[in-house]
Amino acid sequence: MNRSAGELRKSGARIRLQEQPFQVLALLLERPGDVVTREELRQKLWPADTFVDFDHSLNTAINKVREALGDSASSPRYVETLARRGYRFLATVEPVQGPVATHSPATVPQSASGRSEDAAAVHPELNVPVPHRGVTRGLFGLIQIMYLVFYLEALFHWSRVEAIASIFLPGWGSFVVAVAVLVTALVGIPLRCYLLSAAAFDYGGLGESFQRIFLFILVLDQFWALAPFLLASKMGFGASFAATAALLYVPFSERTLLRMAYPGGLSKTG
């Protein structure tokens, strides 16, 4: 981090960070390991004559800092929140002299174990480079939208569901399938809205919440993996089988995306 140049770099690549989040990070780096109170941050970055919603602005700035560092509020490696007190930078900070620090020393955060930022960029459980959280959250959100489309499409054409099901399960079987579609769709809509909003607002406890309901989501998604067969008359049975096979893996993809976005939020055994 080069404060005089207003730059934050990782492996030589510049990370975009707005002015206020950058200044918040700079203040935390000045006192690594110490608690920087919210009042101190307000006095230095939001003078008394500045008319803004301080709490909202500071929370937004901290979230931007965490996103830039690939950090998580629920399992922090860099920025720790101390309720009603302030924030603390957990990693070791070392001054670096060189071309990047022409005007002032840059600071390179290291993890508590002494690893540099490059090493800390590897996911601690998946052993893959940690992607940008915005990407993983976006992909997770698109999956929720996909299921919402499935549910709404089935409800709008519910009369056709039993007709299609009767091809495979004549008699009471088709009625049971139609009722199952109706019930699971009505349950799935609020569930997907919750997951979508949690990802959109970057809820730190999303990983843990998803882990608790994963078994239910797994059963629900395996049932709705059969949704392509509702379009079998248009896309053909071969394409329906292929789409169903791909959808069977989606719940595991959701879990992996959340493990990337919120390291430590999901257990290794989950």
Protein backbone atom coordinates (compact mmCIF):
# COMPACT_ATOMS: atom_id res chain seq x y z
CA MET A 1 0.00 0.00 0.00
CA ASN A 2 1.43 3.36 -1.04
CA ARG A 3 -0.43 6.03 0.89
CA SER A 4 1.17 9.02 -0.78
CA ALA A 5 0.27 7.69 -4.22
CA GLY A 6 -3.12 6.50 -3.03
CA GLU A 7 -2.50 2.99 -4.36
CA LEU A 8 -3.20 -0.49 -3.07
CA ARG A 9 -1.43 -3.24 -4.98
CA LYS A 10 -1.46 -7.03 -4.91
CA SER A 11 1.22 -8.98 -6.80
CA GLY A 12 1.98 -5.76 -8.65
CA ALA A 13 -1.61 -5.31 -9.83
CA ARG A 14 -3.46 -2.26 -8.60
CA ILE A 15 -6.63 -2.92 -6.61
CA ARG A 16 -9.33 -0.32 -7.02
CA LEU A 17 -10.36 1.19 -3.70
CA GLN A 18 -12.33 4.37 -3.19
CA GLU A 19 -10.94 7.27 -1.18
CA GLN A 20 -12.74 6.75 2.12
CA PRO A 21 -12.15 2.96 2.31
CA PHE A 22 -8.50 3.62 1.39
CA GLN A 23 -8.13 6.12 4.23
CA VAL A 24 -9.83 3.74 6.68
CA LEU A 25 -7.39 0.99 5.70
CA ALA A 26 -4.46 3.38 6.05
CA LEU A 27 -5.49 4.29 9.58
CA LEU A 28 -5.84 0.63 10.54
CA LEU A 29 -2.39 -0.13 9.07
CA GLU A 30 -0.84 2.62 11.18
CA ARG A 31 -1.70 0.64 14.32
CA PRO A 32 -1.78 -3.07 13.45
CA GLY A 33 -3.02 -5.18 16.35
CA ASP A 34 -4.52 -2.17 18.16
CA VAL A 35 -8.19 -1.26 18.33
CA VAL A 36 -9.05 1.82 16.29
CA THR A 37 -12.32 3.08 17.67
CA ARG A 38 -15.22 4.23 15.53
CA GLU A 39 -14.96 7.64 17.17
CA GLU A 40 -11.31 7.98 16.11
CA LEU A 41 -12.23 7.12 12.55
CA ARG A 42 -15.09 9.62 12.62
CA GLN A 43 -12.88 12.45 13.91
CA LYS A 44 -10.16 11.85 11.30
CA LEU A 45 -12.27 11.10 8.25
CA TRP A 46 -15.67 12.69 8.95
CA PRO A 47 -15.23 16.11 10.60
CA ALA A 48 -17.99 17.45 12.83
CA ASP A 49 -19.23 19.82 10.11
CA THR A 50 -19.71 16.94 7.64
CA PHE A 51 -23.37 16.03 7.39
CA VAL A 52 -23.45 12.32 6.51
CA ASP A 53 -24.81 9.13 7.99
CA PHE A 54 -21.56 8.23 9.73
CA ASP A 55 -22.52 4.69 10.78
CA HIS A 56 -23.66 3.74 7.29
CA SER A 57 -20.64 5.38 5.63
CA LEU A 58 -18.16 3.66 7.93
CA ASN A 59 -19.83 0.25 7.57
CA THR A 60 -19.77 0.65 3.80
CA ALA A 61 -16.08 1.64 3.88
CA ILE A 62 -15.16 -1.38 6.02
CA ASN A 63 -17.07 -3.71 3.67
CA LYS A 64 -15.17 -2.23 0.71
CA VAL A 65 -11.85 -2.80 2.50
CA ARG A 66 -12.76 -6.42 3.23
CA GLU A 67 -13.83 -6.98 -0.36
CA ALA A 68 -10.54 -5.56 -1.66
CA LEU A 69 -8.53 -7.80 0.69
CA GLY A 70 -10.68 -10.90 0.10
CA ASP A 71 -11.62 -10.87 3.78
CA SER A 72 -14.75 -11.97 5.64
CA ALA A 73 -16.52 -10.40 8.60
CA SER A 74 -17.52 -13.81 9.96
CA SER A 75 -13.98 -15.25 9.74
CA PRO A 76 -11.60 -12.27 9.53
CA ARG A 77 -7.99 -12.64 8.51
CA TYR A 78 -7.28 -8.91 8.24
CA VAL A 79 -9.99 -6.61 9.60
CA GLU A 80 -11.69 -7.67 12.82
CA THR A 81 -14.83 -5.99 14.12
CA LEU A 82 -15.11 -5.41 17.85
CA ALA A 83 -18.78 -4.80 18.60
CA ARG A 84 -19.58 -1.25 19.75
CA ARG A 85 -15.85 -0.47 19.96
CA GLY A 86 -14.14 -0.33 16.62
CA TYR A 87 -11.85 -2.34 14.35
CA ARG A 88 -8.46 -4.03 14.52
CA PHE A 89 -6.04 -5.01 11.74
CA LEU A 90 -4.96 -8.57 12.52
CA ALA A 91 -2.19 -9.24 10.04
CA THR A 92 1.46 -8.25 10.37
CA VAL A 93 2.44 -5.06 8.56
CA GLU A 94 5.97 -4.63 7.19
CA PRO A 95 7.39 -1.49 5.56
CA VAL A 96 8.72 -2.06 2.04
CA GLN A 97 11.28 0.15 0.36
CA GLY A 98 11.56 0.16 -3.39
CA PRO A 99 10.39 1.74 -6.62
CA VAL A 100 6.77 1.57 -5.53
CA ALA A 101 7.56 3.55 -2.41
CA THR A 102 9.24 6.54 -4.10
CA HIS A 103 7.46 9.06 -1.88
CA SER A 104 6.71 7.00 1.20
CA PRO A 105 7.09 3.40 2.29
CA ALA A 106 4.44 1.00 1.12
CA THR A 107 3.01 -1.50 3.56
CA VAL A 108 2.49 -5.14 2.76
CA PRO A 109 -0.01 -7.02 4.95
CA GLN A 110 0.89 -10.49 6.05
CA SER A 111 -1.24 -13.12 7.69
CA ALA A 112 -0.83 -13.97 11.37
CA SER A 113 1.33 -16.93 10.40
CA GLY A 114 3.79 -14.61 8.66
CA ARG A 115 2.77 -15.44 5.09
CA SER A 116 2.73 -12.61 2.60
CA GLU A 117 -0.41 -11.42 0.84
CA ASP A 118 0.45 -13.57 -2.19
CA ALA A 119 0.41 -16.72 -0.07
CA ALA A 120 -2.67 -15.62 1.86
CA ALA A 121 -4.49 -15.22 -1.47
CA VAL A 122 -4.76 -19.02 -1.66
CA HIS A 123 -7.98 -20.33 -0.15
CA PRO A 124 -7.15 -22.02 3.19
CA GLU A 125 -9.47 -25.00 2.55
CA LEU A 126 -9.89 -25.37 -1.21
CA ASN A 127 -6.22 -24.70 -2.06
CA VAL A 128 -7.16 -22.50 -5.03
CA PRO A 129 -6.56 -18.77 -5.59
CA VAL A 130 -9.24 -16.74 -3.85
CA PRO A 131 -11.36 -15.08 -6.56
CA HIS A 132 -12.93 -11.67 -6.25
CA ARG A 133 -15.87 -11.97 -3.88
CA GLY A 134 -18.05 -9.95 -6.21
CA VAL A 135 -17.66 -12.65 -8.88
CA THR A 136 -18.53 -15.57 -6.61
CA ARG A 137 -21.46 -13.72 -5.04
CA GLY A 138 -22.70 -12.79 -8.51
CA LEU A 139 -22.59 -16.38 -9.71
CA PHE A 140 -24.35 -17.54 -6.55
CA GLY A 141 -27.03 -14.91 -7.11
CA LEU A 142 -27.56 -16.00 -10.73
CA ILE A 143 -28.19 -19.57 -9.53
CA GLN A 144 -30.89 -18.30 -7.18
CA ILE A 145 -32.49 -16.36 -10.03
CA MET A 146 -32.45 -19.50 -12.17
CA TYR A 147 -34.38 -21.45 -9.54
CA LEU A 148 -36.84 -18.58 -9.09
CA VAL A 149 -37.53 -18.75 -12.82
CA PHE A 150 -38.12 -22.52 -12.51
CA TYR A 151 -40.59 -22.04 -9.65
CA LEU A 152 -42.53 -19.22 -11.28
CA GLU A 153 -42.68 -20.96 -14.64
CA ALA A 154 -44.05 -24.12 -13.00
CA LEU A 155 -46.66 -22.16 -11.02
CA PHE A 156 -47.79 -20.16 -14.06
CA HIS A 157 -48.25 -23.39 -16.04
CA TRP A 158 -49.17 -25.67 -13.17
CA SER A 159 -52.02 -27.26 -15.12
CA ARG A 160 -49.49 -28.61 -17.58
CA VAL A 161 -47.28 -30.13 -14.89
CA GLU A 162 -49.68 -32.97 -14.10
CA ALA A 163 -50.24 -33.60 -17.80
CA ILE A 164 -46.51 -33.96 -18.41
CA ALA A 165 -46.06 -36.05 -15.24
CA SER A 166 -48.84 -38.42 -16.36
CA ILE A 167 -46.66 -39.44 -19.31
CA PHE A 168 -44.16 -40.98 -16.91
CA LEU A 169 -46.39 -41.72 -13.89
CA PRO A 170 -50.02 -42.28 -14.89
CA GLY A 171 -52.76 -42.19 -12.26
CA TRP A 172 -52.08 -41.02 -8.72
CA GLY A 173 -48.37 -40.71 -9.43
CA SER A 174 -48.86 -37.70 -11.68
CA PHE A 175 -51.09 -36.01 -9.07
CA VAL A 176 -48.48 -36.53 -6.35
CA VAL A 177 -45.78 -35.04 -8.58
CA ALA A 178 -47.95 -32.01 -9.35
CA VAL A 179 -48.63 -31.41 -5.65
CA ALA A 180 -44.92 -31.81 -4.85
CA VAL A 181 -44.09 -29.22 -7.51
CA LEU A 182 -46.63 -26.81 -6.05
CA VAL A 183 -45.47 -27.22 -2.44
CA THR A 184 -41.73 -27.10 -3.12
CA ALA A 185 -42.14 -24.07 -5.38
CA LEU A 186 -44.06 -22.17 -2.69
CA VAL A 187 -41.34 -23.06 -0.16
CA GLY A 188 -38.49 -22.41 -2.59
CA ILE A 189 -39.52 -18.88 -3.57
CA PRO A 190 -38.93 -17.26 -0.13
CA LEU A 191 -35.81 -19.39 0.35
CA ARG A 192 -34.27 -18.18 -2.92
CA CYS A 193 -35.26 -14.59 -2.18
CA TYR A 194 -33.42 -14.83 1.15
CA LEU A 195 -30.29 -16.32 -0.39
CA LEU A 196 -30.34 -13.80 -3.22
CA SER A 197 -30.73 -10.80 -0.91
CA ALA A 198 -28.08 -12.15 1.50
CA ALA A 199 -25.58 -12.47 -1.35
CA ALA A 200 -26.51 -9.05 -2.74
CA PHE A 201 -25.98 -7.32 0.62
CA ASP A 202 -22.88 -9.41 1.39
CA TYR A 203 -24.25 -10.88 4.62
CA GLY A 204 -21.24 -12.22 6.51
CA GLY A 205 -23.16 -15.14 8.03
CA LEU A 206 -24.44 -16.45 4.69
CA GLY A 207 -21.90 -19.27 4.58
CA GLU A 208 -22.90 -20.58 8.01
CA SER A 209 -26.62 -20.20 7.28
CA PHE A 210 -26.27 -22.09 4.01
CA GLN A 211 -24.40 -24.89 5.78
CA ARG A 212 -27.22 -25.33 8.28
CA ILE A 213 -29.87 -25.72 5.57
CA PHE A 214 -27.69 -27.46 2.99
CA LEU A 215 -29.33 -30.87 3.39
CA PHE A 216 -32.76 -29.35 2.75
CA ILE A 217 -31.45 -27.40 -0.25
CA LEU A 218 -29.79 -30.55 -1.58
CA VAL A 219 -33.07 -32.50 -1.50
CA LEU A 220 -35.00 -29.56 -2.97
CA ASP A 221 -32.52 -29.01 -5.79
CA GLN A 222 -32.32 -32.70 -6.66
CA PHE A 223 -36.09 -32.71 -7.11
CA TRP A 224 -36.04 -29.57 -9.25
CA ALA A 225 -33.19 -30.96 -11.33
CA LEU A 226 -36.03 -32.70 -13.19
CA ALA A 227 -37.39 -29.33 -14.32
CA PRO A 228 -35.94 -29.61 -17.86
CA PHE A 229 -38.33 -32.48 -18.52
CA LEU A 230 -41.16 -29.94 -18.41
CA LEU A 231 -39.73 -28.72 -21.72
CA ALA A 232 -38.95 -32.17 -23.11
CA SER A 233 -41.49 -31.70 -25.91
CA LYS A 234 -39.55 -28.66 -27.13
CA MET A 235 -35.94 -29.47 -26.34
CA GLY A 236 -36.05 -33.26 -26.68
CA PHE A 237 -35.40 -35.99 -24.13
CA GLY A 238 -31.67 -36.11 -24.79
CA ALA A 239 -31.20 -32.44 -24.01
CA SER A 240 -33.49 -32.80 -20.97
CA PHE A 241 -31.34 -35.62 -19.60
CA ALA A 242 -28.18 -33.57 -20.14
CA ALA A 243 -29.65 -30.51 -18.44
CA THR A 244 -30.87 -32.62 -15.51
CA ALA A 245 -27.44 -34.19 -15.08
CA ALA A 246 -25.87 -30.72 -14.92
CA LEU A 247 -28.46 -29.46 -12.42
CA LEU A 248 -27.77 -32.36 -10.07
CA TYR A 249 -24.38 -30.81 -9.31
CA VAL A 250 -25.65 -27.25 -8.79
CA PRO A 251 -26.18 -27.41 -4.98
CA PHE A 252 -22.55 -28.50 -4.55
CA SER A 253 -21.52 -25.60 -6.79
CA GLU A 254 -23.48 -23.22 -4.57
CA ARG A 255 -21.64 -24.50 -1.52
CA THR A 256 -18.26 -24.13 -3.22
CA LEU A 257 -19.03 -20.57 -4.31
CA LEU A 258 -19.90 -19.62 -0.73
CA ARG A 259 -16.72 -21.26 0.58
CA MET A 260 -14.77 -19.07 -1.83
CA ALA A 261 -16.65 -15.91 -0.92
CA TYR A 262 -16.66 -16.52 2.85
CA PRO A 263 -13.58 -18.54 3.85
CA GLY A 264 -14.25 -20.30 7.12
CA GLY A 265 -18.02 -19.84 6.85
CA LEU A 266 -18.48 -23.48 5.80
CA SER A 267 -16.82 -26.39 7.55
CA LYS A 268 -14.57 -28.76 5.68
CA THR A 269 -16.88 -31.63 6.39
CA GLY A 270 -20.03 -29.74 5.39
